[in-house]
Amino acid sequence: MKTILGYLRPHAPRVAVGVTVKFTAALLELLLPLLLAHIIDECVPTQDLPCVFRAGGLMLVMAFGAAFCNITANRMAAWVSMDMTRQLRRDLYQRTLLLSQAQLDQFSVSSIVSRLTNDTYNVHQMFDKIQRGGIRAPMLVLGGLALTFFQAPPLALVQLAVCSATFFAIWLVTRQGIPRYTRAQEAVDTVVRILRENAAGVRVVKALACQERERERFTAASRASKEAEAAAGSIMAAANPLSDFLLNLGLVLVVLVGALLVNRGWMSSGQIVAFLSYFTIIQTATLGLAKLFVKYSKGVASARRIEEILLTPEDQRVRPAEEPDLHGPELGMRNASFSYLGVEKDLDGASFTLNKGETLGILGPTGAGKTTLVSLLLRLYDADGGVVWAGGRDVSTLSREQLRGRFGVVFQNEALLNDSVYENISFLRNLPREAVIAAAKTAQAWEFIENLPDGLDAQLDIRGANLSGGQRQRLLIARALAARPGILILDSADSALDYRTAATLHAALHRDFPDVTLVVISERVASLRDASHILVLEDGVISAQGTHEELLQSCGRYRRMAELQMGGAL
């Protein structure tokens, strides 16, 4: 909670003013019963109407003053909570962007979405309610107890005992509620994950007629979330009944003891009326605190989940280069190994080198480690062992900006924005339209872009739903080319293109980007045959490497694939 509380420090002056205003309102409310007692004991017995009007008018002014102060303080609390939550959400989002891929895998995207939305909302509600009721209610309770001690210590002791028992009961309930709300938020993560999966794969779900199965998955996750929320709610629901019972019990005791004191002449009628008014004020404030602790339990559980991300240490630090004058190849690996789960190696002993301007082809079955190898080049993950080079240097000696700025990448599954074609290619980089058009022409995308109603300004649906698969892939390739990267990685980027378009694309790349170092992952031998160097991956191991002609002679698997795909045109 210390990290989250730090977001209140910049707003300390406004919080202090709000506390002062709330204190003023509470003080005015506490003075009202005293004036009422004065009217009953002093003005009514003497039938002094001017005294009644003066005291009543003062009570009216104080009531309006208390209402005005409460409204003002509540508005200030809302402003502080909104500003604090906006800053918290922004920092959480920025920290999320800096998480390594391994850390993202650890938290999961669905959990991060839940923390950015639901958890920040719970923290907002907690701080808002604490500023509104968490200051006023204790003031009313403590102030009411102090004033009642001056009037009737025996009754005040009864009231103090009831309040102490009530707060102890609320503390016990809250202690049990916080861990249950944490589990409830984790259940929400599962619901968000299933929603994301179904939103992204809605076409596959429909094509395979899996709607009923996915509906059952979502129903089961929703039921688990409901049960977790109900378990937490059932614990917290005990707070109000317990408070009501204890406070009503206290009210009965106060009335009995007060009646005896009045009967013996130890208290006046006005004092007992004032005392009952204070008891009502304290009772209302205590019930408000019970409700506040529900928000507090949710807020603390959510704050801890948010702090897990904010306090996650950076795990990909830039290591100083031991030999700054010794440059490695433009791209390469030496005995690089990696495992996602730390059990079985997904890439084992990978070694290759590639000079600037050359093309690397990567071929292999699904799960062979092709994308893993590219992820290590981009330092999305750190290799467990060995060395990885990019741009002539060990990737661990390059900052994130230095490393990623060298690359243009097209992954298998990338999203298009619900924005114009230009913005999807420029991708928030404010690139000149001429550069965007040139990249689109190289990517073979210009032929369909210029036929769109608004050309580059045509609007795309979410994930490019109003485009074909091949058109989406060509836009993604144009995005990678638009900033003219030094190293271009195409991960199955031609899978949705016909052979003629794919061939034209590769020819255009060599023509328009002759100095770019190209990495092509493909299942098509035709897309790799002109590569300077080809890797054949099997089960995370480079089983063969060389040029197209060399692999035809030395690698049976490569030759079989070439014969199946290309027939006699080897």
Protein backbone atom coordinates (compact mmCIF):
# COMPACT_ATOMS: atom_id res chain seq x y z
CA MET A 1 0.00 0.00 0.00
CA LYS A 2 2.95 2.38 0.50
CA THR A 3 3.44 2.70 -3.25
CA ILE A 4 -0.24 3.45 -3.84
CA LEU A 5 -0.35 5.92 -0.94
CA GLY A 6 2.51 7.78 -2.59
CA TYR A 7 0.09 8.90 -5.29
CA LEU A 8 -1.73 11.00 -2.68
CA ARG A 9 1.35 13.06 -1.77
CA PRO A 10 1.06 15.55 -4.69
CA HIS A 11 -2.54 16.18 -3.60
CA ALA A 12 -1.70 16.63 0.08
CA PRO A 13 -2.72 20.35 0.16
CA ARG A 14 -6.14 19.61 -1.33
CA VAL A 15 -6.57 16.64 1.00
CA ALA A 16 -5.66 18.85 3.98
CA VAL A 17 -8.20 21.45 2.92
CA GLY A 18 -10.82 18.74 2.46
CA VAL A 19 -10.07 17.36 5.94
CA THR A 20 -10.41 20.83 7.43
CA VAL A 21 -13.74 21.38 5.69
CA LYS A 22 -14.97 17.94 6.82
CA PHE A 23 -13.84 18.71 10.37
CA THR A 24 -15.80 21.97 10.28
CA ALA A 25 -18.91 20.14 9.05
CA ALA A 26 -18.57 17.48 11.77
CA LEU A 27 -18.13 20.17 14.43
CA LEU A 28 -21.29 21.95 13.27
CA GLU A 29 -23.25 18.67 13.34
CA LEU A 30 -22.00 17.90 16.86
CA LEU A 31 -23.13 21.30 18.17
CA LEU A 32 -26.73 20.83 17.01
CA PRO A 33 -27.80 18.48 19.86
CA LEU A 34 -26.39 20.94 22.42
CA LEU A 35 -28.58 23.71 21.02
CA LEU A 36 -31.56 21.32 21.04
CA ALA A 37 -30.90 20.54 24.72
CA HIS A 38 -30.67 24.28 25.42
CA ILE A 39 -34.09 24.86 23.83
CA ILE A 40 -35.69 22.01 25.80
CA ASP A 41 -34.09 22.84 29.16
CA GLU A 42 -33.84 26.65 29.05
CA CYS A 43 -36.26 28.11 26.50
CA VAL A 44 -39.32 25.85 26.67
CA PRO A 45 -39.80 25.83 30.47
CA THR A 46 -39.73 29.67 30.56
CA GLN A 47 -41.86 29.92 27.37
CA ASP A 48 -39.22 32.26 25.96
CA LEU A 49 -40.14 32.32 22.25
CA PRO A 50 -37.32 34.73 21.24
CA CYS A 51 -34.88 32.28 22.84
CA VAL A 52 -36.46 29.42 20.84
CA PHE A 53 -36.24 31.41 17.59
CA ARG A 54 -32.65 32.47 18.22
CA ALA A 55 -31.49 28.96 19.05
CA GLY A 56 -33.61 27.44 16.24
CA GLY A 57 -32.30 29.97 13.72
CA LEU A 58 -28.74 29.23 14.77
CA MET A 59 -29.45 25.51 14.37
CA LEU A 60 -30.79 26.16 10.86
CA VAL A 61 -27.69 28.15 9.90
CA MET A 62 -25.41 25.46 11.31
CA ALA A 63 -27.34 22.71 9.47
CA PHE A 64 -26.99 24.56 6.15
CA GLY A 65 -23.33 25.23 6.92
CA ALA A 66 -22.67 21.56 7.64
CA ALA A 67 -24.42 20.55 4.40
CA PHE A 68 -22.42 23.11 2.38
CA CYS A 69 -19.13 21.98 3.93
CA ASN A 70 -19.92 18.31 3.28
CA ILE A 71 -20.80 18.96 -0.37
CA THR A 72 -17.64 21.02 -0.88
CA ALA A 73 -15.44 18.40 0.77
CA ASN A 74 -17.05 15.58 -1.23
CA ARG A 75 -16.38 17.43 -4.49
CA MET A 76 -12.76 17.95 -3.49
CA ALA A 77 -12.49 14.24 -2.59
CA ALA A 78 -13.85 13.30 -6.02
CA TRP A 79 -11.31 15.56 -7.78
CA VAL A 80 -8.40 14.15 -5.76
CA SER A 81 -9.51 10.55 -6.34
CA MET A 82 -9.95 11.07 -10.09
CA ASP A 83 -6.57 12.80 -10.50
CA MET A 84 -4.82 10.18 -8.39
CA THR A 85 -6.43 7.27 -10.25
CA ARG A 86 -5.63 8.82 -13.63
CA GLN A 87 -1.95 9.10 -12.65
CA LEU A 88 -1.95 5.58 -11.20
CA ARG A 89 -3.54 4.09 -14.32
CA ARG A 90 -1.07 5.96 -16.56
CA ASP A 91 1.95 4.75 -14.57
CA LEU A 92 0.57 1.22 -14.47
CA TYR A 93 0.10 1.28 -18.24
CA GLN A 94 3.61 2.65 -18.81
CA ARG A 95 5.09 0.02 -16.50
CA THR A 96 3.17 -2.65 -18.37
CA LEU A 97 4.75 -1.51 -21.63
CA LEU A 98 8.20 -1.93 -20.07
CA LEU A 99 7.58 -5.46 -18.83
CA SER A 100 9.62 -8.12 -20.56
CA GLN A 101 7.84 -10.84 -22.48
CA ALA A 102 8.67 -13.30 -19.70
CA GLN A 103 7.01 -11.01 -17.15
CA LEU A 104 3.97 -10.58 -19.40
CA ASP A 105 3.71 -14.36 -19.60
CA GLN A 106 3.92 -14.53 -15.81
CA PHE A 107 1.10 -12.04 -15.20
CA SER A 108 -0.94 -12.89 -18.34
CA VAL A 109 -2.53 -10.28 -20.58
CA SER A 110 -6.02 -10.89 -19.20
CA SER A 111 -4.83 -10.23 -15.65
CA ILE A 112 -3.10 -7.01 -16.73
CA VAL A 113 -6.30 -5.83 -18.45
CA SER A 114 -8.24 -6.57 -15.26
CA ARG A 115 -5.71 -4.66 -13.14
CA LEU A 116 -5.78 -1.67 -15.47
CA THR A 117 -9.58 -1.49 -15.38
CA ASN A 118 -11.31 -3.21 -12.48
CA ASP A 119 -8.53 -2.91 -9.91
CA THR A 120 -7.82 0.77 -10.55
CA TYR A 121 -11.57 1.42 -10.25
CA ASN A 122 -11.63 -0.32 -6.85
CA VAL A 123 -8.67 1.77 -5.68
CA HIS A 124 -10.45 4.91 -6.89
CA GLN A 125 -13.57 3.96 -4.95
CA MET A 126 -11.54 3.22 -1.83
CA PHE A 127 -9.78 6.60 -1.75
CA ASP A 128 -12.95 8.47 -2.68
CA LYS A 129 -14.98 6.84 0.11
CA ILE A 130 -12.17 7.20 2.66
CA GLN A 131 -11.92 10.93 2.00
CA ARG A 132 -15.69 11.31 2.22
CA GLY A 133 -16.61 9.02 5.11
CA GLY A 134 -13.31 7.90 6.52
CA ILE A 135 -12.67 11.36 7.93
CA ARG A 136 -16.15 12.54 8.86
CA ALA A 137 -17.32 9.31 10.53
CA PRO A 138 -14.43 8.98 13.04
CA MET A 139 -14.78 12.69 13.88
CA LEU A 140 -18.46 12.21 14.61
CA VAL A 141 -17.82 9.08 16.68
CA LEU A 142 -14.94 10.54 18.72
CA GLY A 143 -16.54 13.97 19.04
CA GLY A 144 -19.89 12.46 20.05
CA LEU A 145 -18.22 10.25 22.67
CA ALA A 146 -16.26 13.19 24.08
CA LEU A 147 -19.36 15.39 24.41
CA THR A 148 -21.45 12.61 25.95
CA PHE A 149 -18.75 12.02 28.59
CA PHE A 150 -19.21 15.60 29.72
CA GLN A 151 -22.98 15.14 29.99
CA ALA A 152 -23.42 11.63 31.42
CA PRO A 153 -20.32 9.46 31.99
CA PRO A 154 -22.34 6.27 32.78
CA LEU A 155 -24.22 6.49 29.48
CA ALA A 156 -21.01 7.40 27.65
CA LEU A 157 -19.35 4.26 28.99
CA VAL A 158 -22.22 2.16 27.59
CA GLN A 159 -21.83 3.89 24.25
CA LEU A 160 -18.04 3.46 24.26
CA ALA A 161 -18.40 -0.27 24.95
CA VAL A 162 -20.88 -0.66 22.09
CA CYS A 163 -18.65 1.26 19.65
CA SER A 164 -15.56 -0.75 20.67
CA ALA A 165 -17.40 -4.03 20.12
CA THR A 166 -18.68 -2.79 16.77
CA PHE A 167 -15.23 -1.75 15.51
CA PHE A 168 -13.73 -5.05 16.68
CA ALA A 169 -16.42 -6.97 14.75
CA ILE A 170 -15.77 -4.87 11.63
CA TRP A 171 -12.02 -5.49 11.95
CA LEU A 172 -12.53 -9.25 12.14
CA VAL A 173 -14.82 -9.22 9.12
CA THR A 174 -12.42 -7.07 7.07
CA ARG A 175 -9.47 -9.31 7.93
CA GLN A 176 -11.34 -12.26 6.43
CA GLY A 177 -12.67 -10.27 3.47
CA ILE A 178 -9.43 -8.96 1.90
CA PRO A 179 -7.95 -12.37 0.85
CA ARG A 180 -11.36 -13.43 -0.48
CA TYR A 181 -11.61 -10.30 -2.62
CA THR A 182 -8.12 -11.06 -3.96
CA ARG A 183 -9.36 -14.47 -5.11
CA ALA A 184 -12.46 -12.83 -6.58
CA GLN A 185 -10.27 -10.49 -8.67
CA GLU A 186 -8.24 -13.47 -9.90
CA ALA A 187 -11.49 -15.12 -11.00
CA VAL A 188 -12.32 -11.96 -12.95
CA ASP A 189 -8.94 -12.35 -14.73
CA THR A 190 -10.13 -15.74 -16.04
CA VAL A 191 -13.37 -14.24 -17.35
CA VAL A 192 -11.43 -11.49 -19.15
CA ARG A 193 -9.05 -14.07 -20.65
CA ILE A 194 -11.89 -16.15 -22.09
CA LEU A 195 -13.56 -13.03 -23.48
CA ARG A 196 -10.32 -11.97 -25.19
CA GLU A 197 -9.78 -15.44 -26.63
CA ASN A 198 -13.29 -15.58 -28.05
CA ALA A 199 -13.17 -12.02 -29.40
CA ALA A 200 -9.88 -12.73 -31.18
CA GLY A 201 -10.91 -16.14 -32.48
CA VAL A 202 -14.61 -15.59 -33.15
CA ARG A 203 -14.29 -16.74 -36.77
CA VAL A 204 -12.54 -19.97 -35.79
CA VAL A 205 -15.12 -20.64 -33.07
CA LYS A 206 -17.95 -20.25 -35.56
CA ALA A 207 -16.20 -22.15 -38.33
CA LEU A 208 -15.63 -25.15 -36.05
CA ALA A 209 -19.11 -24.90 -34.50
CA CYS A 210 -17.62 -24.53 -31.02
CA GLN A 211 -20.10 -21.93 -29.79
CA GLU A 212 -21.66 -24.29 -27.26
CA ARG A 213 -18.29 -25.35 -25.84
CA GLU A 214 -17.11 -21.74 -25.55
CA ARG A 215 -20.43 -20.78 -23.97
CA GLU A 216 -19.91 -23.51 -21.38
CA ARG A 217 -16.33 -22.30 -20.71
CA PHE A 218 -17.53 -18.74 -20.24
CA THR A 219 -20.44 -19.88 -18.06
CA ALA A 220 -18.11 -21.92 -15.86
CA ALA A 221 -15.69 -18.99 -15.49
CA SER A 222 -18.56 -16.60 -14.75
CA ARG A 223 -19.94 -19.01 -12.18
CA ALA A 224 -16.52 -19.29 -10.52
CA SER A 225 -16.24 -15.49 -10.48
CA LYS A 226 -19.72 -15.19 -9.00
CA GLU A 227 -18.97 -17.77 -6.33
CA ALA A 228 -15.69 -16.05 -5.41
CA GLU A 229 -17.44 -12.68 -5.22
CA ALA A 230 -20.28 -14.25 -3.22
CA ALA A 231 -17.80 -15.83 -0.80
CA ALA A 232 -16.20 -12.43 -0.21
CA GLY A 233 -19.57 -10.70 -0.08
CA SER A 234 -21.00 -13.19 2.40
CA ILE A 235 -18.17 -12.39 4.81
CA MET A 236 -18.44 -8.63 4.35
CA ALA A 237 -22.25 -8.80 4.53
CA ALA A 238 -21.91 -9.72 8.19
CA ALA A 239 -20.55 -6.26 8.98
CA ASN A 240 -23.84 -4.37 8.72
CA PRO A 241 -26.06 -6.86 10.67
CA LEU A 242 -23.45 -7.11 13.42
CA SER A 243 -23.20 -3.34 13.60
CA ASP A 244 -26.99 -2.96 13.64
CA PHE A 245 -27.36 -5.56 16.39
CA LEU A 246 -24.68 -4.09 18.63
CA LEU A 247 -25.82 -0.51 18.11
CA ASN A 248 -29.50 -1.35 18.70
CA LEU A 249 -28.49 -3.26 21.80
CA GLY A 250 -26.59 -0.19 22.93
CA LEU A 251 -29.60 2.01 22.19
CA VAL A 252 -31.79 -0.17 24.44
CA LEU A 253 -29.23 0.01 27.23
CA VAL A 254 -28.86 3.78 26.83
CA VAL A 255 -32.64 4.30 27.00
CA LEU A 256 -32.95 2.11 30.10
CA VAL A 257 -30.04 3.73 31.93
CA GLY A 258 -31.09 7.20 30.77
CA ALA A 259 -34.67 6.67 32.01
CA LEU A 260 -33.35 5.67 35.44
CA LEU A 261 -31.09 8.74 35.59
CA VAL A 262 -33.90 11.10 34.55
CA ASN A 263 -36.25 9.48 37.04
CA ARG A 264 -33.76 10.07 39.86
CA GLY A 265 -33.18 13.64 38.74
CA TRP A 266 -29.54 13.11 37.78
CA MET A 267 -30.20 14.15 34.14
CA SER A 268 -32.55 16.68 32.56
CA SER A 269 -34.93 15.89 29.72
CA GLY A 270 -32.90 18.04 27.36
CA GLN A 271 -29.73 16.14 28.21
CA ILE A 272 -31.31 12.75 27.51
CA VAL A 273 -32.69 14.06 24.18
CA ALA A 274 -29.26 15.43 23.30
CA PHE A 275 -27.68 12.16 24.34
CA LEU A 276 -30.03 10.16 22.13
CA SER A 277 -29.23 12.54 19.26
CA TYR A 278 -25.53 11.92 19.79
CA PHE A 279 -26.17 8.19 19.92
CA THR A 280 -28.01 8.42 16.58
CA ILE A 281 -25.11 10.42 15.09
CA ILE A 282 -22.58 7.90 16.38
CA GLN A 283 -24.71 4.98 15.20
CA THR A 284 -25.05 6.43 11.69
CA ALA A 285 -21.31 7.17 11.54
CA THR A 286 -20.44 3.66 12.71
CA LEU A 287 -22.71 2.08 10.09
CA GLY A 288 -21.05 4.31 7.50
CA LEU A 289 -17.67 2.98 8.61
CA ALA A 290 -18.95 -0.59 8.24
CA LYS A 291 -19.89 0.13 4.61
CA LEU A 292 -16.59 1.92 4.12
CA PHE A 293 -14.65 -1.17 5.18
CA VAL A 294 -16.25 -3.12 2.30
CA LYS A 295 -14.74 -0.59 -0.14
CA TYR A 296 -11.51 -0.70 1.84
CA SER A 297 -11.28 -4.50 1.56
CA LYS A 298 -11.77 -4.40 -2.21
CA GLY A 299 -9.40 -1.47 -2.58
CA VAL A 300 -6.59 -3.06 -0.57
CA ALA A 301 -6.88 -6.34 -2.50
CA SER A 302 -6.75 -4.43 -5.80
CA ALA A 303 -3.93 -2.15 -4.61
CA ARG A 304 -1.77 -5.17 -3.83
CA ARG A 305 -2.38 -6.59 -7.31
CA ILE A 306 -1.45 -3.24 -8.87
CA GLU A 307 1.70 -2.98 -6.74
CA GLU A 308 2.81 -6.41 -7.99
CA ILE A 309 3.26 -4.85 -11.43
CA LEU A 310 4.53 -1.43 -10.31
CA LEU A 311 7.18 -3.01 -8.07
CA THR A 312 8.24 -5.72 -10.52
CA PRO A 313 11.98 -5.18 -11.03
CA GLU A 314 13.42 -4.75 -14.50
CA ASP A 315 14.76 -8.13 -15.57
CA GLN A 316 16.48 -7.13 -18.82
CA ARG A 317 19.15 -4.70 -17.76
CA VAL A 318 21.66 -3.33 -20.25
CA ARG A 319 25.01 -4.98 -19.62
CA PRO A 320 28.15 -2.92 -20.31
CA ALA A 321 30.09 -4.21 -23.31
CA GLU A 322 33.24 -6.00 -22.18
CA GLU A 323 34.96 -5.53 -25.56
CA PRO A 324 33.54 -2.37 -27.12
CA ASP A 325 35.93 -2.47 -30.09
CA LEU A 326 35.11 -6.06 -31.03
CA HIS A 327 32.00 -6.19 -33.25
CA GLY A 328 30.13 -9.37 -33.90
CA PRO A 329 28.20 -10.23 -37.05
CA GLU A 330 25.20 -8.15 -38.11
CA LEU A 331 22.98 -10.95 -36.86
CA GLY A 332 23.84 -14.24 -35.23
CA MET A 333 23.96 -16.63 -32.30
CA ARG A 334 26.57 -18.76 -30.59
CA ASN A 335 25.35 -21.77 -28.61
CA ALA A 336 22.15 -19.95 -27.69
CA SER A 337 19.68 -21.92 -25.59
CA PHE A 338 16.29 -21.03 -24.14
CA SER A 339 13.36 -22.63 -22.30
CA TYR A 340 9.99 -21.03 -21.67
CA LEU A 341 9.18 -23.12 -18.58
CA GLY A 342 12.69 -24.00 -17.49
CA VAL A 343 12.05 -27.73 -17.95
CA GLU A 344 12.64 -28.69 -21.56
CA LYS A 345 14.74 -26.55 -23.89
CA ASP A 346 12.73 -24.92 -26.68
CA LEU A 347 15.93 -23.82 -28.41
CA ASP A 348 19.18 -25.69 -27.84
CA GLY A 349 22.69 -24.74 -28.97
CA ALA A 350 21.68 -22.48 -31.87
CA SER A 351 24.65 -21.03 -33.76
CA PHE A 352 24.78 -19.05 -37.03
CA THR A 353 26.10 -15.75 -38.39
CA LEU A 354 24.71 -13.35 -40.98
CA ASN A 355 26.42 -10.32 -42.51
CA LYS A 356 24.80 -7.00 -43.28
CA GLY A 357 22.58 -7.06 -46.37
CA GLU A 358 22.27 -10.86 -46.41
CA THR A 359 19.07 -12.89 -46.09
CA LEU A 360 18.46 -15.57 -43.50
CA GLY A 361 15.78 -18.17 -44.15
CA ILE A 362 14.30 -20.24 -41.32
CA LEU A 363 12.38 -23.41 -42.07
CA GLY A 364 10.85 -26.00 -39.79
CA PRO A 365 7.63 -27.65 -38.62
CA THR A 366 5.25 -26.12 -36.09
CA GLY A 367 6.86 -25.97 -32.65
CA ALA A 368 10.38 -26.33 -33.99
CA GLY A 369 11.51 -23.04 -32.34
CA LYS A 370 11.40 -20.61 -35.28
CA THR A 371 9.55 -17.81 -33.48
CA THR A 372 11.57 -18.49 -30.33
CA LEU A 373 14.78 -17.86 -32.24
CA VAL A 374 13.41 -14.54 -33.55
CA SER A 375 12.25 -13.58 -30.05
CA LEU A 376 15.80 -13.98 -28.78
CA LEU A 377 17.13 -11.79 -31.60
CA LEU A 378 14.66 -9.08 -30.57
CA ARG A 379 15.47 -9.73 -26.90
CA LEU A 380 11.82 -10.29 -26.12
CA TYR A 381 13.34 -13.02 -23.96
CA ASP A 382 16.89 -13.38 -22.65
CA ALA A 383 18.76 -16.48 -23.72
CA ASP A 384 19.44 -18.94 -20.90
CA GLY A 385 22.90 -19.48 -22.31
CA GLY A 386 25.12 -18.45 -25.21
CA VAL A 387 25.41 -15.13 -27.05
CA VAL A 388 22.96 -13.36 -29.37
CA TRP A 389 24.11 -10.60 -31.76
CA ALA A 390 22.12 -7.92 -33.53
CA GLY A 391 23.51 -4.91 -35.37
CA GLY A 392 27.05 -6.09 -34.69
CA ARG A 393 26.72 -6.13 -30.90
CA ASP A 394 25.59 -8.45 -28.13
CA VAL A 395 21.88 -7.70 -27.67
CA SER A 396 22.34 -7.57 -23.88
CA THR A 397 24.59 -4.48 -24.29
CA LEU A 398 21.95 -2.53 -26.24
CA SER A 399 19.18 -0.48 -24.69
CA ARG A 400 15.61 -1.27 -25.61
CA GLU A 401 15.45 1.77 -27.91
CA GLN A 402 18.79 1.00 -29.59
CA LEU A 403 17.84 -2.61 -30.22
CA ARG A 404 14.22 -2.30 -31.30
CA GLY A 405 15.02 0.74 -33.45
CA ARG A 406 17.13 -1.47 -35.70
CA PHE A 407 14.29 -3.87 -36.45
CA GLY A 408 11.18 -3.94 -38.55
CA VAL A 409 9.04 -6.94 -37.64
CA VAL A 410 5.96 -8.69 -38.99
CA PHE A 411 4.73 -11.41 -36.65
CA GLN A 412 2.18 -14.09 -37.46
CA ASN A 413 -0.60 -12.45 -35.42
CA GLU A 414 -0.60 -8.68 -35.33
CA ALA A 415 -3.55 -6.40 -34.88
CA LEU A 416 -4.60 -3.49 -37.06
CA LEU A 417 -6.00 -0.38 -35.45
CA ASN A 418 -9.52 0.94 -35.87
CA ASP A 419 -8.06 3.92 -37.73
CA SER A 420 -7.04 5.07 -41.19
CA VAL A 421 -4.75 3.09 -43.46
CA TYR A 422 -2.11 5.80 -43.07
CA GLU A 423 -2.16 5.59 -39.26
CA ASN A 424 -1.96 1.80 -39.41
CA ILE A 425 1.20 1.97 -41.50
CA SER A 426 2.71 5.00 -39.75
CA PHE A 427 1.74 3.48 -36.39
CA LEU A 428 2.05 6.65 -34.28
CA ARG A 429 5.48 7.48 -35.73
CA ASN A 430 4.29 10.53 -37.74
CA LEU A 431 6.00 9.25 -40.88
CA PRO A 432 5.76 11.31 -44.10
CA ARG A 433 3.01 10.19 -46.42
CA GLU A 434 5.60 9.71 -49.15
CA ALA A 435 7.44 7.14 -46.99
CA VAL A 436 4.16 5.38 -46.24
CA ILE A 437 3.25 5.22 -49.95
CA ALA A 438 6.71 3.92 -50.86
CA ALA A 439 6.50 1.21 -48.20
CA ALA A 440 3.00 0.24 -49.39
CA LYS A 441 4.25 -0.10 -52.96
CA THR A 442 7.14 -2.33 -51.91
CA ALA A 443 4.78 -4.44 -49.79
CA GLN A 444 2.43 -4.85 -52.80
CA ALA A 445 -0.31 -3.10 -50.82
CA TRP A 446 -0.65 0.07 -52.88
CA GLU A 447 -2.62 -1.66 -55.63
CA PHE A 448 -5.61 -2.19 -53.30
CA ILE A 449 -5.07 0.91 -51.12
CA GLU A 450 -5.47 3.32 -54.03
CA ASN A 451 -8.75 1.60 -54.97
CA LEU A 452 -10.24 2.18 -51.51
CA PRO A 453 -12.83 5.02 -51.36
CA ASP A 454 -10.50 7.36 -49.43
CA GLY A 455 -7.15 5.80 -50.27
CA LEU A 456 -4.70 6.23 -47.39
CA ASP A 457 -7.42 7.92 -45.35
CA ALA A 458 -9.82 4.97 -45.60
CA GLN A 459 -10.94 3.73 -42.19
CA LEU A 460 -10.28 0.15 -41.13
CA ASP A 461 -12.44 -1.88 -38.79
CA ILE A 462 -11.03 -3.37 -35.59
CA ARG A 463 -8.30 -5.90 -36.46
CA GLY A 464 -8.80 -4.99 -40.12
CA ALA A 465 -12.00 -7.00 -40.35
CA ASN A 466 -13.01 -5.19 -43.58
CA LEU A 467 -9.87 -6.47 -45.37
CA SER A 468 -8.91 -9.89 -46.64
CA GLY A 469 -6.16 -11.90 -44.97
CA GLY A 470 -3.68 -11.12 -47.75
CA GLN A 471 -4.47 -7.40 -47.62
CA ARG A 472 -3.92 -7.34 -43.87
CA GLN A 473 -0.56 -9.08 -44.22
CA ARG A 474 0.60 -6.62 -46.88
CA LEU A 475 -0.38 -3.66 -44.65
CA LEU A 476 1.62 -5.18 -41.80
CA ILE A 477 4.64 -5.60 -44.08
CA ALA A 478 4.27 -1.96 -45.18
CA ARG A 479 4.22 -0.92 -41.51
CA ALA A 480 7.51 -2.74 -40.90
CA LEU A 481 9.13 -1.20 -43.99
CA ALA A 482 7.90 2.39 -43.56
CA ALA A 483 10.69 3.46 -41.15
CA ARG A 484 13.37 1.79 -43.34
CA PRO A 485 14.80 -0.58 -40.67
CA GLY A 486 18.29 -2.04 -40.80
CA ILE A 487 17.00 -5.55 -40.03
CA LEU A 488 13.65 -6.83 -41.29
CA ILE A 489 12.02 -9.94 -39.84
CA LEU A 490 9.11 -11.57 -41.66
CA ASP A 491 7.55 -14.30 -39.52
CA SER A 492 5.29 -16.28 -41.90
CA ALA A 493 4.38 -12.93 -43.45
CA ASP A 494 3.53 -14.46 -46.81
CA SER A 495 1.29 -17.26 -45.54
CA ALA A 496 -1.87 -15.53 -46.84
CA LEU A 497 -0.31 -14.44 -50.14
CA ASP A 498 -0.50 -16.35 -53.37
CA TYR A 499 2.79 -17.55 -54.87
CA ARG A 500 2.86 -14.85 -57.54
CA THR A 501 2.32 -11.99 -55.05
CA ALA A 502 4.86 -13.51 -52.63
CA ALA A 503 7.46 -13.74 -55.39
CA THR A 504 6.79 -10.15 -56.45
CA LEU A 505 7.08 -9.02 -52.82
CA HIS A 506 10.47 -10.67 -52.31
CA ALA A 507 11.76 -9.23 -55.58
CA ALA A 508 10.59 -5.74 -54.52
CA LEU A 509 12.28 -6.10 -51.14
CA HIS A 510 15.64 -6.92 -52.75
CA ARG A 511 15.16 -4.06 -55.24
CA ASP A 512 14.01 -1.29 -52.87
CA PHE A 513 15.90 -2.35 -49.73
CA PRO A 514 19.22 -3.74 -50.99
CA ASP A 515 21.11 -3.03 -47.75
CA VAL A 516 18.54 -4.43 -45.32
CA THR A 517 19.40 -7.61 -43.44
CA LEU A 518 16.41 -9.86 -43.98
CA VAL A 519 15.13 -12.73 -41.81
CA VAL A 520 12.35 -14.79 -43.39
CA ILE A 521 10.42 -17.49 -41.54
CA SER A 522 8.33 -19.46 -43.99
CA GLU A 523 6.97 -22.88 -44.78
CA ARG A 524 7.53 -22.19 -48.48
CA VAL A 525 10.84 -23.28 -49.91
CA ALA A 526 10.25 -20.90 -52.83
CA SER A 527 10.37 -17.95 -50.43
CA LEU A 528 13.73 -19.09 -49.04
CA ARG A 529 15.62 -20.46 -52.01
CA ASP A 530 17.40 -17.16 -52.73
CA ALA A 531 18.44 -16.66 -49.08
CA SER A 532 22.13 -16.28 -48.31
CA HIS A 533 21.77 -18.69 -45.40
CA ILE A 534 18.98 -21.12 -44.49
CA LEU A 535 18.40 -22.78 -41.11
CA VAL A 536 16.39 -25.99 -40.81
CA LEU A 537 14.98 -26.32 -37.28
CA GLU A 538 13.69 -29.52 -35.67
CA ASP A 539 12.63 -29.77 -32.02
CA GLY A 540 14.51 -26.61 -31.07
CA VAL A 541 17.78 -27.71 -32.70
CA ILE A 542 19.32 -26.44 -35.94
CA SER A 543 19.54 -29.76 -37.77
CA ALA A 544 21.05 -28.28 -40.94
CA GLN A 545 22.12 -24.94 -42.37
CA GLY A 546 23.51 -23.64 -45.61
CA THR A 547 22.36 -22.28 -48.98
CA HIS A 548 19.49 -23.73 -50.98
CA GLU A 549 21.79 -25.81 -53.16
CA GLU A 550 23.84 -27.06 -50.20
CA LEU A 551 20.75 -28.15 -48.28
CA LEU A 552 19.35 -29.99 -51.30
CA GLN A 553 22.46 -32.12 -51.17
CA SER A 554 22.95 -32.46 -47.40
CA CYS A 555 19.48 -32.31 -45.77
CA GLY A 556 16.93 -34.98 -46.66
CA ARG A 557 14.06 -33.17 -44.91
CA TYR A 558 14.72 -29.96 -46.84
CA ARG A 559 14.97 -31.82 -50.14
CA ARG A 560 11.68 -33.67 -49.53
CA MET A 561 9.88 -30.39 -48.76
CA ALA A 562 11.38 -28.79 -51.87
CA GLU A 563 10.28 -31.71 -54.05
CA LEU A 564 6.74 -31.67 -52.63
CA GLN A 565 6.33 -27.92 -53.10
CA MET A 566 8.33 -27.19 -56.23
CA GLY A 567 8.35 -30.45 -58.12
CA GLY A 568 11.07 -30.38 -60.74
CA ALA A 569 11.85 -26.66 -60.30
CA LEU A 570 14.49 -27.26 -57.62
